[in-house]
Amino acid sequence: MSKAGRAAAAYRAYQDVSRPGSPGLMTRVKALPRMIAGALRGEYHDLGKTKLALMGLGILYIVSPIDAIPDFLPLIGVTDDLGVFVWLMTSLLGESGRYVDWEHRKAHGEVL
């Protein structure tokens, strides 16, 4: 993803979090463990196991010492980690917002 693409994704995530009536940032963060558990148990079908696995791989890539581009290269070495981080955060924030909405609909009997 290019710099412009990462910036656009981050801005869209910010707009989604700050939209009136949308779940706030802390609500989304607190929903992450419930969302992951629900997806693993098969209760929450909107987050597939493939996407969940990709998110897990993204976390492993960020924390692992092995990189596609070594971090000791100035600026370039951190760019790949930043790209994965931005993708991961926008995916998690977007998905957790949809999960909170799903929980709300489920509590009101709109979801089977």
N, C-alpha and C. Protein backbone atom coordinates (compact mmCIF):
# COMPACT_ATOMS: atom_id res chain seq x y z
N MET A 1 0.86 -1.17 0.00
CA MET A 1 0.00 0.00 0.00
C MET A 1 0.90 1.23 0.00
N SER A 2 0.58 2.19 -0.81
CA SER A 2 1.39 3.40 -0.91
C SER A 2 1.13 4.31 0.29
N LYS A 3 1.97 5.33 0.42
CA LYS A 3 1.79 6.29 1.52
C LYS A 3 0.41 6.93 1.45
N ALA A 4 0.00 7.30 0.26
CA ALA A 4 -1.31 7.93 0.09
C ALA A 4 -2.43 6.97 0.47
N GLY A 5 -2.27 5.70 0.12
CA GLY A 5 -3.26 4.69 0.47
C GLY A 5 -3.35 4.48 1.97
N ARG A 6 -2.18 4.44 2.64
CA ARG A 6 -2.17 4.29 4.10
C ARG A 6 -2.80 5.49 4.77
N ALA A 7 -2.49 6.67 4.28
CA ALA A 7 -3.06 7.90 4.85
C ALA A 7 -4.57 7.94 4.65
N ALA A 8 -5.02 7.54 3.47
CA ALA A 8 -6.46 7.53 3.19
C ALA A 8 -7.17 6.51 4.08
N ALA A 9 -6.57 5.34 4.28
CA ALA A 9 -7.18 4.32 5.14
C ALA A 9 -7.25 4.80 6.58
N ALA A 10 -6.19 5.44 7.05
CA ALA A 10 -6.19 5.96 8.42
C ALA A 10 -7.24 7.06 8.57
N TYR A 11 -7.39 7.91 7.58
CA TYR A 11 -8.38 8.98 7.64
C TYR A 11 -9.80 8.41 7.62
N ARG A 12 -10.04 7.39 6.80
CA ARG A 12 -11.36 6.75 6.78
C ARG A 12 -11.68 6.12 8.13
N ALA A 13 -10.68 5.51 8.76
CA ALA A 13 -10.89 4.91 10.08
C ALA A 13 -11.21 6.00 11.10
N TYR A 14 -10.50 7.12 11.02
CA TYR A 14 -10.78 8.24 11.93
C TYR A 14 -12.20 8.76 11.71
N GLN A 15 -12.61 8.91 10.45
CA GLN A 15 -13.96 9.39 10.16
C GLN A 15 -15.01 8.42 10.70
N ASP A 16 -14.76 7.13 10.56
CA ASP A 16 -15.70 6.13 11.02
C ASP A 16 -15.84 6.18 12.55
N VAL A 17 -14.73 6.31 13.25
CA VAL A 17 -14.75 6.35 14.72
C VAL A 17 -15.41 7.63 15.22
N SER A 18 -15.20 8.73 14.52
CA SER A 18 -15.72 10.02 14.99
C SER A 18 -17.10 10.36 14.44
N ARG A 19 -17.68 9.50 13.63
CA ARG A 19 -19.01 9.73 13.07
C ARG A 19 -20.05 9.70 14.19
N PRO A 20 -20.98 10.66 14.21
CA PRO A 20 -22.02 10.65 15.25
C PRO A 20 -22.84 9.36 15.21
N GLY A 21 -23.05 8.79 16.38
CA GLY A 21 -23.81 7.55 16.48
C GLY A 21 -22.97 6.30 16.31
N SER A 22 -21.72 6.47 15.92
CA SER A 22 -20.82 5.34 15.73
C SER A 22 -20.18 4.98 17.06
N PRO A 23 -19.87 3.70 17.29
CA PRO A 23 -19.18 3.34 18.53
C PRO A 23 -17.85 4.08 18.65
N GLY A 24 -17.56 4.57 19.84
CA GLY A 24 -16.32 5.31 20.07
C GLY A 24 -15.10 4.41 20.09
N LEU A 25 -13.94 5.02 20.15
CA LEU A 25 -12.68 4.29 20.10
C LEU A 25 -12.56 3.29 21.24
N MET A 26 -12.83 3.73 22.47
CA MET A 26 -12.68 2.82 23.61
C MET A 26 -13.71 1.70 23.58
N THR A 27 -14.89 1.98 23.10
CA THR A 27 -15.91 0.93 22.95
C THR A 27 -15.41 -0.13 21.99
N ARG A 28 -14.79 0.30 20.91
CA ARG A 28 -14.27 -0.62 19.90
C ARG A 28 -13.10 -1.43 20.46
N VAL A 29 -12.21 -0.75 21.20
CA VAL A 29 -11.05 -1.45 21.77
C VAL A 29 -11.51 -2.49 22.78
N LYS A 30 -12.48 -2.13 23.63
CA LYS A 30 -12.98 -3.07 24.63
C LYS A 30 -13.72 -4.25 23.99
N ALA A 31 -14.25 -4.06 22.80
CA ALA A 31 -14.98 -5.12 22.11
C ALA A 31 -14.06 -6.13 21.41
N LEU A 32 -12.78 -5.79 21.25
CA LEU A 32 -11.87 -6.67 20.50
C LEU A 32 -11.80 -8.09 21.07
N PRO A 33 -11.59 -8.27 22.39
CA PRO A 33 -11.54 -9.66 22.89
C PRO A 33 -12.85 -10.42 22.67
N ARG A 34 -13.98 -9.75 22.86
CA ARG A 34 -15.28 -10.40 22.64
C ARG A 34 -15.44 -10.77 21.16
N MET A 35 -15.01 -9.87 20.28
CA MET A 35 -15.14 -10.11 18.84
C MET A 35 -14.29 -11.31 18.43
N ILE A 36 -13.07 -11.36 18.89
CA ILE A 36 -12.18 -12.47 18.53
C ILE A 36 -12.73 -13.78 19.08
N ALA A 37 -13.17 -13.77 20.34
CA ALA A 37 -13.74 -14.99 20.93
C ALA A 37 -14.99 -15.42 20.19
N GLY A 38 -15.85 -14.47 19.84
CA GLY A 38 -17.07 -14.80 19.11
C GLY A 38 -16.77 -15.36 17.73
N ALA A 39 -15.75 -14.82 17.08
CA ALA A 39 -15.38 -15.33 15.75
C ALA A 39 -14.80 -16.74 15.86
N LEU A 40 -13.99 -16.98 16.88
CA LEU A 40 -13.40 -18.31 17.04
C LEU A 40 -14.45 -19.35 17.42
N ARG A 41 -15.45 -18.95 18.20
CA ARG A 41 -16.53 -19.88 18.58
C ARG A 41 -17.54 -20.08 17.45
N GLY A 42 -17.48 -19.24 16.44
CA GLY A 42 -18.40 -19.35 15.31
C GLY A 42 -19.70 -18.59 15.52
N GLU A 43 -19.79 -17.76 16.56
CA GLU A 43 -20.99 -16.98 16.81
C GLU A 43 -21.06 -15.74 15.92
N TYR A 44 -19.91 -15.13 15.69
CA TYR A 44 -19.85 -13.91 14.89
C TYR A 44 -19.30 -14.28 13.51
N HIS A 45 -20.19 -14.35 12.53
CA HIS A 45 -19.82 -14.84 11.20
C HIS A 45 -19.22 -13.78 10.29
N ASP A 46 -19.32 -12.51 10.66
CA ASP A 46 -18.83 -11.45 9.77
C ASP A 46 -17.31 -11.35 9.75
N LEU A 47 -16.64 -11.92 10.74
CA LEU A 47 -15.18 -11.94 10.78
C LEU A 47 -14.76 -13.38 10.52
N GLY A 48 -14.32 -13.63 9.29
CA GLY A 48 -13.92 -14.98 8.93
C GLY A 48 -12.60 -15.37 9.57
N LYS A 49 -12.40 -16.66 9.65
CA LYS A 49 -11.15 -17.15 10.25
C LYS A 49 -9.93 -16.77 9.41
N THR A 50 -10.13 -16.60 8.11
CA THR A 50 -9.01 -16.19 7.25
C THR A 50 -8.57 -14.77 7.60
N LYS A 51 -9.52 -13.85 7.74
CA LYS A 51 -9.17 -12.48 8.09
C LYS A 51 -8.58 -12.41 9.49
N LEU A 52 -9.12 -13.21 10.40
CA LEU A 52 -8.59 -13.25 11.76
C LEU A 52 -7.15 -13.77 11.75
N ALA A 53 -6.89 -14.77 10.92
CA ALA A 53 -5.52 -15.30 10.80
C ALA A 53 -4.59 -14.24 10.20
N LEU A 54 -5.06 -13.49 9.21
CA LEU A 54 -4.23 -12.43 8.63
C LEU A 54 -3.91 -11.35 9.66
N MET A 55 -4.89 -11.02 10.49
CA MET A 55 -4.63 -10.04 11.56
C MET A 55 -3.59 -10.57 12.54
N GLY A 56 -3.69 -11.85 12.87
CA GLY A 56 -2.69 -12.46 13.75
C GLY A 56 -1.30 -12.44 13.13
N LEU A 57 -1.24 -12.73 11.84
CA LEU A 57 0.05 -12.67 11.14
C LEU A 57 0.59 -11.24 11.10
N GLY A 58 -0.31 -10.26 10.97
CA GLY A 58 0.12 -8.86 11.01
C GLY A 58 0.75 -8.51 12.34
N ILE A 59 0.14 -8.98 13.43
CA ILE A 59 0.71 -8.73 14.76
C ILE A 59 2.07 -9.40 14.89
N LEU A 60 2.15 -10.65 14.43
CA LEU A 60 3.44 -11.35 14.48
C LEU A 60 4.51 -10.63 13.65
N TYR A 61 4.14 -10.12 12.50
CA TYR A 61 5.10 -9.42 11.65
C TYR A 61 5.62 -8.16 12.34
N ILE A 62 4.73 -7.44 13.01
CA ILE A 62 5.14 -6.20 13.67
C ILE A 62 6.09 -6.49 14.83
N VAL A 63 5.79 -7.51 15.62
CA VAL A 63 6.61 -7.77 16.82
C VAL A 63 7.83 -8.64 16.54
N SER A 64 7.86 -9.34 15.41
CA SER A 64 8.99 -10.23 15.14
C SER A 64 10.22 -9.44 14.69
N PRO A 65 11.39 -9.97 14.99
CA PRO A 65 12.62 -9.30 14.55
C PRO A 65 12.91 -9.52 13.07
N ILE A 66 12.18 -10.40 12.42
CA ILE A 66 12.39 -10.69 11.00
C ILE A 66 11.47 -9.78 10.19
N ASP A 67 12.04 -9.02 9.27
CA ASP A 67 11.30 -8.07 8.45
C ASP A 67 11.59 -8.28 6.97
N ALA A 68 10.66 -7.87 6.13
CA ALA A 68 10.90 -7.90 4.69
C ALA A 68 11.99 -6.88 4.34
N ILE A 69 11.96 -5.74 5.01
CA ILE A 69 12.98 -4.71 4.84
C ILE A 69 13.59 -4.47 6.22
N PRO A 70 14.89 -4.71 6.40
CA PRO A 70 15.50 -4.57 7.73
C PRO A 70 15.30 -3.17 8.32
N ASP A 71 15.05 -3.13 9.63
CA ASP A 71 14.78 -1.87 10.31
C ASP A 71 15.99 -0.95 10.41
N PHE A 72 17.20 -1.48 10.25
CA PHE A 72 18.38 -0.62 10.37
C PHE A 72 18.55 0.30 9.16
N LEU A 73 17.81 0.07 8.08
CA LEU A 73 17.84 0.99 6.94
C LEU A 73 17.01 2.21 7.29
N PRO A 74 17.60 3.39 7.24
CA PRO A 74 16.86 4.59 7.66
C PRO A 74 15.58 4.78 6.85
N LEU A 75 14.51 5.08 7.52
CA LEU A 75 13.18 5.35 6.99
C LEU A 75 12.56 4.18 6.24
N ILE A 76 13.28 3.59 5.33
CA ILE A 76 12.72 2.50 4.52
C ILE A 76 12.42 1.29 5.39
N GLY A 77 13.28 1.02 6.36
CA GLY A 77 13.12 -0.17 7.19
C GLY A 77 11.88 -0.14 8.07
N VAL A 78 11.41 1.02 8.43
CA VAL A 78 10.25 1.13 9.30
C VAL A 78 8.96 1.23 8.48
N THR A 79 9.08 1.56 7.22
CA THR A 79 7.91 1.78 6.38
C THR A 79 7.05 0.53 6.25
N ASP A 80 7.67 -0.63 6.09
CA ASP A 80 6.87 -1.85 5.97
C ASP A 80 6.12 -2.15 7.26
N ASP A 81 6.77 -1.95 8.40
CA ASP A 81 6.09 -2.14 9.68
C ASP A 81 4.94 -1.15 9.83
N LEU A 82 5.16 0.08 9.43
CA LEU A 82 4.12 1.10 9.52
C LEU A 82 2.93 0.74 8.63
N GLY A 83 3.20 0.26 7.44
CA GLY A 83 2.12 -0.14 6.55
C GLY A 83 1.28 -1.26 7.13
N VAL A 84 1.94 -2.27 7.70
CA VAL A 84 1.22 -3.37 8.33
C VAL A 84 0.44 -2.87 9.54
N PHE A 85 1.06 -1.98 10.33
CA PHE A 85 0.40 -1.43 11.51
C PHE A 85 -0.86 -0.65 11.13
N VAL A 86 -0.77 0.20 10.12
CA VAL A 86 -1.93 0.99 9.68
C VAL A 86 -3.03 0.07 9.18
N TRP A 87 -2.67 -0.93 8.37
CA TRP A 87 -3.67 -1.89 7.89
C TRP A 87 -4.33 -2.61 9.07
N LEU A 88 -3.51 -3.04 10.03
CA LEU A 88 -4.03 -3.78 11.17
C LEU A 88 -4.97 -2.93 12.01
N MET A 89 -4.57 -1.71 12.29
CA MET A 89 -5.40 -0.83 13.12
C MET A 89 -6.71 -0.46 12.41
N THR A 90 -6.64 -0.14 11.13
CA THR A 90 -7.87 0.20 10.42
C THR A 90 -8.79 -1.01 10.31
N SER A 91 -8.21 -2.19 10.10
CA SER A 91 -9.02 -3.41 10.04
C SER A 91 -9.67 -3.70 11.39
N LEU A 92 -8.88 -3.61 12.46
CA LEU A 92 -9.41 -3.90 13.79
C LEU A 92 -10.47 -2.89 14.21
N LEU A 93 -10.22 -1.61 13.96
CA LEU A 93 -11.20 -0.59 14.34
C LEU A 93 -12.49 -0.73 13.54
N GLY A 94 -12.36 -0.96 12.25
CA GLY A 94 -13.54 -1.12 11.42
C GLY A 94 -14.33 -2.36 11.79
N GLU A 95 -13.63 -3.45 11.95
CA GLU A 95 -14.30 -4.71 12.28
C GLU A 95 -14.93 -4.67 13.66
N SER A 96 -14.24 -4.07 14.63
CA SER A 96 -14.81 -4.00 15.98
C SER A 96 -16.02 -3.08 16.01
N GLY A 97 -16.04 -2.05 15.18
CA GLY A 97 -17.23 -1.20 15.09
C GLY A 97 -18.42 -1.97 14.54
N ARG A 98 -18.18 -2.79 13.52
CA ARG A 98 -19.24 -3.63 12.98
C ARG A 98 -19.69 -4.66 14.01
N TYR A 99 -18.73 -5.16 14.82
CA TYR A 99 -19.08 -6.12 15.86
C TYR A 99 -19.96 -5.49 16.93
N VAL A 100 -19.64 -4.27 17.36
CA VAL A 100 -20.45 -3.58 18.36
C VAL A 100 -21.86 -3.36 17.82
N ASP A 101 -21.97 -2.96 16.56
CA ASP A 101 -23.29 -2.81 15.94
C ASP A 101 -24.03 -4.15 15.90
N TRP A 102 -23.33 -5.23 15.58
CA TRP A 102 -23.92 -6.56 15.55
C TRP A 102 -24.41 -6.96 16.94
N GLU A 103 -23.60 -6.68 17.98
CA GLU A 103 -24.01 -6.98 19.36
C GLU A 103 -25.28 -6.22 19.72
N HIS A 104 -25.33 -4.97 19.31
CA HIS A 104 -26.51 -4.14 19.60
C HIS A 104 -27.75 -4.72 18.91
N ARG A 105 -27.61 -5.08 17.64
CA ARG A 105 -28.75 -5.67 16.92
C ARG A 105 -29.15 -7.00 17.53
N LYS A 106 -28.16 -7.79 17.96
CA LYS A 106 -28.43 -9.09 18.59
C LYS A 106 -29.18 -8.90 19.91
N ALA A 107 -28.81 -7.91 20.69
CA ALA A 107 -29.46 -7.64 21.97
C ALA A 107 -30.91 -7.22 21.77
N HIS A 108 -31.20 -6.61 20.64
CA HIS A 108 -32.57 -6.16 20.34
C HIS A 108 -33.34 -7.18 19.49
N GLY A 109 -32.78 -8.38 19.33
CA GLY A 109 -33.47 -9.45 18.62
C GLY A 109 -33.50 -9.32 17.12
N GLU A 110 -32.63 -8.50 16.56
CA GLU A 110 -32.61 -8.32 15.11
C GLU A 110 -31.70 -9.31 14.41
N VAL A 111 -30.88 -10.04 15.18
CA VAL A 111 -29.96 -11.02 14.63
C VAL A 111 -30.31 -12.37 15.22
N LEU A 112 -30.32 -13.39 14.38
CA LEU A 112 -30.63 -14.74 14.87
C LEU A 112 -29.43 -15.37 15.50
